Amino acid sequence: MELDINEIKKILPHRYPFLLIDAVEEYEPGKFARARKCVSADDPFFQGHFPDYPVMPGVLIIEALAQTGAVALLSLPENKGKIALFGGIRNARFRQQVKPGDVLTLNCELVRMHGPVGIGQAEARVNGKLCCNAELSFAIMDPVS
């Protein structure tokens, strides 16, 4: 199953400039998602990180991975309309810089769920080379008005 940006917006509450995935290439609700982020020199974070040497901030790569995992979690019918919050980040490693023109392939596999809390194994790659990997934990909740 593939999702375009409009379908992603039906699942995730994120919006520009903080929606960091462009497409979901494949996913299975409650199991995994694989998404894509086309990194552009026009991305707003490059204005300050760094103007003369643009590098995508590692925390935003982690956020893109979390959004990918959130698609897998929030696409379950019982989670429709809910949000997924970070519970934690463990063993994050950054192995390669991500620059304008790169296409990030983002993978998150949900390896454990206990009630509203889940753990995902996540990795980001450019041209097949590992850029970042981490264990992410999520808490699913109803949004509060």
C-alpha atoms as a PDB file:
ATOM      1  CA  MET A   1       0.000   0.000   0.000  1.00  0.00           C
ATOM      2  CA  GLU A   2       1.287   3.479  -0.854  1.00  0.00           C
ATOM      3  CA  LEU A   3       0.161   6.828   0.559  1.00  0.00           C
ATOM      4  CA  ASP A   4       0.607  10.267  -0.986  1.00  0.00           C
ATOM      5  CA  ILE A   5       0.892  13.474   1.056  1.00  0.00           C
ATOM      6  CA  ASN A   6      -2.891  14.018   1.194  1.00  0.00           C
ATOM      7  CA  GLU A   7      -3.451  10.505   2.539  1.00  0.00           C
ATOM      8  CA  ILE A   8      -0.644  10.981   5.089  1.00  0.00           C
ATOM      9  CA  LYS A   9      -2.393  14.142   6.332  1.00  0.00           C
ATOM     10  CA  LYS A  10      -5.504  12.058   7.030  1.00  0.00           C
ATOM     11  CA  ILE A  11      -3.432   9.911   9.438  1.00  0.00           C
ATOM     12  CA  LEU A  12      -0.890  12.319  10.976  1.00  0.00           C
ATOM     13  CA  PRO A  13      -1.739  15.615  12.686  1.00  0.00           C
ATOM     14  CA  HIS A  14       1.567  17.218  11.550  1.00  0.00           C
ATOM     15  CA  ARG A  15       1.552  20.050   9.018  1.00  0.00           C
ATOM     16  CA  TYR A  16       4.125  22.233   7.234  1.00  0.00           C
ATOM     17  CA  PRO A  17       6.801  22.989   8.205  1.00  0.00           C
ATOM     18  CA  PHE A  18       6.862  20.019  10.576  1.00  0.00           C
ATOM     19  CA  LEU A  19       5.425  17.267   8.384  1.00  0.00           C
ATOM     20  CA  LEU A  20       8.703  15.597   7.438  1.00  0.00           C
ATOM     21  CA  ILE A  21       7.635  12.708   5.210  1.00  0.00           C
ATOM     22  CA  ASP A  22       6.576  13.161   1.579  1.00  0.00           C
ATOM     23  CA  ALA A  23       5.187   9.705   0.783  1.00  0.00           C
ATOM     24  CA  VAL A  24       4.685   6.323   2.386  1.00  0.00           C
ATOM     25  CA  GLU A  25       5.970   3.670  -0.003  1.00  0.00           C
ATOM     26  CA  GLU A  26       4.652   0.684   1.924  1.00  0.00           C
ATOM     27  CA  TYR A  27       3.037  -0.011   5.277  1.00  0.00           C
ATOM     28  CA  GLU A  28       1.086  -2.539   7.267  1.00  0.00           C
ATOM     29  CA  PRO A  29      -1.059  -1.054  10.040  1.00  0.00           C
ATOM     30  CA  GLY A  30       0.310  -1.971  13.452  1.00  0.00           C
ATOM     31  CA  LYS A  31       3.441  -3.568  11.955  1.00  0.00           C
ATOM     32  CA  PHE A  32       5.718  -1.256   9.923  1.00  0.00           C
ATOM     33  CA  ALA A  33       5.991   1.668   7.531  1.00  0.00           C
ATOM     34  CA  ARG A  34       8.532   2.737   4.917  1.00  0.00           C
ATOM     35  CA  ALA A  35       8.418   6.407   3.938  1.00  0.00           C
ATOM     36  CA  ARG A  36      10.355   8.862   1.811  1.00  0.00           C
ATOM     37  CA  LYS A  37      11.611  12.391   2.487  1.00  0.00           C
ATOM     38  CA  CYS A  38      13.025  14.323  -0.459  1.00  0.00           C
ATOM     39  CA  VAL A  39      15.480  16.710   1.178  1.00  0.00           C
ATOM     40  CA  SER A  40      15.369  20.102  -0.521  1.00  0.00           C
ATOM     41  CA  ALA A  41      17.562  23.189  -0.194  1.00  0.00           C
ATOM     42  CA  ASP A  42      14.238  25.003   0.349  1.00  0.00           C
ATOM     43  CA  ASP A  43      13.522  23.105   3.590  1.00  0.00           C
ATOM     44  CA  PRO A  44      13.195  25.837   6.244  1.00  0.00           C
ATOM     45  CA  PHE A  45      15.709  24.329   8.676  1.00  0.00           C
ATOM     46  CA  PHE A  46      18.555  24.923   6.200  1.00  0.00           C
ATOM     47  CA  GLN A  47      18.231  28.695   6.752  1.00  0.00           C
ATOM     48  CA  GLY A  48      20.031  28.260  10.046  1.00  0.00           C
ATOM     49  CA  HIS A  49      21.590  24.746   9.917  1.00  0.00           C
ATOM     50  CA  PHE A  50      23.956  25.734   8.341  1.00  0.00           C
ATOM     51  CA  PRO A  51      23.662  28.427   5.642  1.00  0.00           C
ATOM     52  CA  ASP A  52      27.149  27.766   4.255  1.00  0.00           C
ATOM     53  CA  TYR A  53      27.139  23.985   4.854  1.00  0.00           C
ATOM     54  CA  PRO A  54      23.540  22.688   4.815  1.00  0.00           C
ATOM     55  CA  VAL A  55      23.080  19.490   6.845  1.00  0.00           C
ATOM     56  CA  MET A  56      19.709  18.112   7.948  1.00  0.00           C
ATOM     57  CA  PRO A  57      19.612  18.207  11.763  1.00  0.00           C
ATOM     58  CA  GLY A  58      19.798  14.766  13.339  1.00  0.00           C
ATOM     59  CA  VAL A  59      16.816  15.498  15.562  1.00  0.00           C
ATOM     60  CA  LEU A  60      14.708  16.094  12.439  1.00  0.00           C
ATOM     61  CA  ILE A  61      15.849  12.785  10.941  1.00  0.00           C
ATOM     62  CA  ILE A  62      14.676  11.163  14.194  1.00  0.00           C
ATOM     63  CA  GLU A  63      11.378  13.082  13.940  1.00  0.00           C
ATOM     64  CA  ALA A  64      10.893  11.880  10.343  1.00  0.00           C
ATOM     65  CA  LEU A  65      11.480   8.320  11.564  1.00  0.00           C
ATOM     66  CA  ALA A  66       8.956   8.854  14.367  1.00  0.00           C
ATOM     67  CA  GLN A  67       6.384  10.154  11.880  1.00  0.00           C
ATOM     68  CA  THR A  68       6.974   7.035   9.799  1.00  0.00           C
ATOM     69  CA  GLY A  69       6.334   4.855  12.851  1.00  0.00           C
ATOM     70  CA  ALA A  70       3.284   6.952  13.702  1.00  0.00           C
ATOM     71  CA  VAL A  71       1.785   6.091  10.290  1.00  0.00           C
ATOM     72  CA  ALA A  72       2.045   2.397  11.191  1.00  0.00           C
ATOM     73  CA  LEU A  73       0.445   3.020  14.603  1.00  0.00           C
ATOM     74  CA  LEU A  74      -2.214   5.567  13.691  1.00  0.00           C
ATOM     75  CA  SER A  75      -3.394   3.723  10.581  1.00  0.00           C
ATOM     76  CA  LEU A  76      -4.963   1.076  12.827  1.00  0.00           C
ATOM     77  CA  PRO A  77      -8.737   1.660  12.885  1.00  0.00           C
ATOM     78  CA  GLU A  78      -8.810   1.872  16.693  1.00  0.00           C
ATOM     79  CA  ASN A  79      -6.230   4.703  16.609  1.00  0.00           C
ATOM     80  CA  LYS A  80      -7.998   6.891  14.021  1.00  0.00           C
ATOM     81  CA  GLY A  81      -7.954  10.536  15.168  1.00  0.00           C
ATOM     82  CA  LYS A  82      -5.396   9.908  17.918  1.00  0.00           C
ATOM     83  CA  ILE A  83      -1.848  11.233  18.158  1.00  0.00           C
ATOM     84  CA  ALA A  84       1.430   9.431  18.851  1.00  0.00           C
ATOM     85  CA  LEU A  85       3.830  11.172  21.216  1.00  0.00           C
ATOM     86  CA  PHE A  86       7.485  10.358  21.802  1.00  0.00           C
ATOM     87  CA  GLY A  87       8.050   8.234  24.859  1.00  0.00           C
ATOM     88  CA  GLY A  88      11.804   7.988  24.370  1.00  0.00           C
ATOM     89  CA  ILE A  89      14.752   7.580  22.050  1.00  0.00           C
ATOM     90  CA  ARG A  90      17.400   4.946  22.739  1.00  0.00           C
ATOM     91  CA  ASN A  91      20.671   4.069  21.058  1.00  0.00           C
ATOM     92  CA  ALA A  92      20.412   6.742  18.361  1.00  0.00           C
ATOM     93  CA  ARG A  93      23.403   6.745  16.037  1.00  0.00           C
ATOM     94  CA  PHE A  94      24.123   9.160  13.212  1.00  0.00           C
ATOM     95  CA  ARG A  95      26.415   7.628  10.613  1.00  0.00           C
ATOM     96  CA  GLN A  96      26.237   9.903   7.558  1.00  0.00           C
ATOM     97  CA  GLN A  97      25.272  13.503   6.858  1.00  0.00           C
ATOM     98  CA  VAL A  98      22.007  14.204   5.026  1.00  0.00           C
ATOM     99  CA  LYS A  99      22.187  17.117   2.586  1.00  0.00           C
ATOM    100  CA  PRO A 100      19.938  18.871   0.060  1.00  0.00           C
ATOM    101  CA  GLY A 101      19.245  16.609  -2.900  1.00  0.00           C
ATOM    102  CA  ASP A 102      19.286  13.433  -0.811  1.00  0.00           C
ATOM    103  CA  VAL A 103      16.270  11.150  -0.698  1.00  0.00           C
ATOM    104  CA  LEU A 104      15.826   9.643   2.746  1.00  0.00           C
ATOM    105  CA  THR A 105      14.255   6.204   2.949  1.00  0.00           C
ATOM    106  CA  LEU A 106      12.740   5.904   6.415  1.00  0.00           C
ATOM    107  CA  ASN A 107      11.825   2.560   7.967  1.00  0.00           C
ATOM    108  CA  CYS A 108      10.154   1.880  11.284  1.00  0.00           C
ATOM    109  CA  GLU A 109       9.144  -1.581  12.430  1.00  0.00           C
ATOM    110  CA  LEU A 110       6.941  -1.831  15.507  1.00  0.00           C
ATOM    111  CA  VAL A 111       8.493  -4.547  17.625  1.00  0.00           C
ATOM    112  CA  ARG A 112       6.433  -4.263  20.827  1.00  0.00           C
ATOM    113  CA  MET A 113       3.061  -2.908  21.889  1.00  0.00           C
ATOM    114  CA  HIS A 114       1.719  -2.874  25.419  1.00  0.00           C
ATOM    115  CA  GLY A 115      -1.580  -1.029  25.589  1.00  0.00           C
ATOM    116  CA  PRO A 116      -1.058   2.502  24.269  1.00  0.00           C
ATOM    117  CA  VAL A 117       2.766   2.256  24.417  1.00  0.00           C
ATOM    118  CA  GLY A 118       4.864   0.930  21.558  1.00  0.00           C
ATOM    119  CA  ILE A 119       8.512   0.410  20.627  1.00  0.00           C
ATOM    120  CA  GLY A 120       9.835   0.783  17.094  1.00  0.00           C
ATOM    121  CA  GLN A 121      13.174  -0.077  15.503  1.00  0.00           C
ATOM    122  CA  ALA A 122      13.916   2.695  13.028  1.00  0.00           C
ATOM    123  CA  GLU A 123      16.530   3.450  10.404  1.00  0.00           C
ATOM    124  CA  ALA A 124      17.115   6.089   7.744  1.00  0.00           C
ATOM    125  CA  ARG A 125      19.107   5.484   4.578  1.00  0.00           C
ATOM    126  CA  VAL A 126      20.307   7.492   1.569  1.00  0.00           C
ATOM    127  CA  ASN A 127      21.125   5.460  -1.552  1.00  0.00           C
ATOM    128  CA  GLY A 128      21.084   2.325   0.603  1.00  0.00           C
ATOM    129  CA  LYS A 129      23.668   3.691   3.057  1.00  0.00           C
ATOM    130  CA  LEU A 130      22.650   3.826   6.709  1.00  0.00           C
ATOM    131  CA  CYS A 131      22.449   7.424   7.975  1.00  0.00           C
ATOM    132  CA  CYS A 132      20.714   6.951  11.300  1.00  0.00           C
ATOM    133  CA  ASN A 133      19.215   4.234  13.442  1.00  0.00           C
ATOM    134  CA  ALA A 134      17.430   4.306  16.790  1.00  0.00           C
ATOM    135  CA  GLU A 135      14.904   2.624  19.025  1.00  0.00           C
ATOM    136  CA  LEU A 136      11.857   4.855  19.433  1.00  0.00           C
ATOM    137  CA  SER A 137       9.067   4.549  21.974  1.00  0.00           C
ATOM    138  CA  PHE A 138       5.597   5.985  21.419  1.00  0.00           C
ATOM    139  CA  ALA A 139       2.539   6.700  23.530  1.00  0.00           C
ATOM    140  CA  ILE A 140      -0.794   6.868  21.750  1.00  0.00           C
ATOM    141  CA  MET A 141      -3.381   9.249  23.146  1.00  0.00           C
ATOM    142  CA  ASP A 142      -6.527  11.152  22.315  1.00  0.00           C
ATOM    143  CA  PRO A 143      -5.803  14.814  21.556  1.00  0.00           C
ATOM    144  CA  VAL A 144      -6.938  17.144  24.324  1.00  0.00           C
ATOM    145  CA  SER A 145      -8.834  20.277  23.381  1.00  0.00           C
END
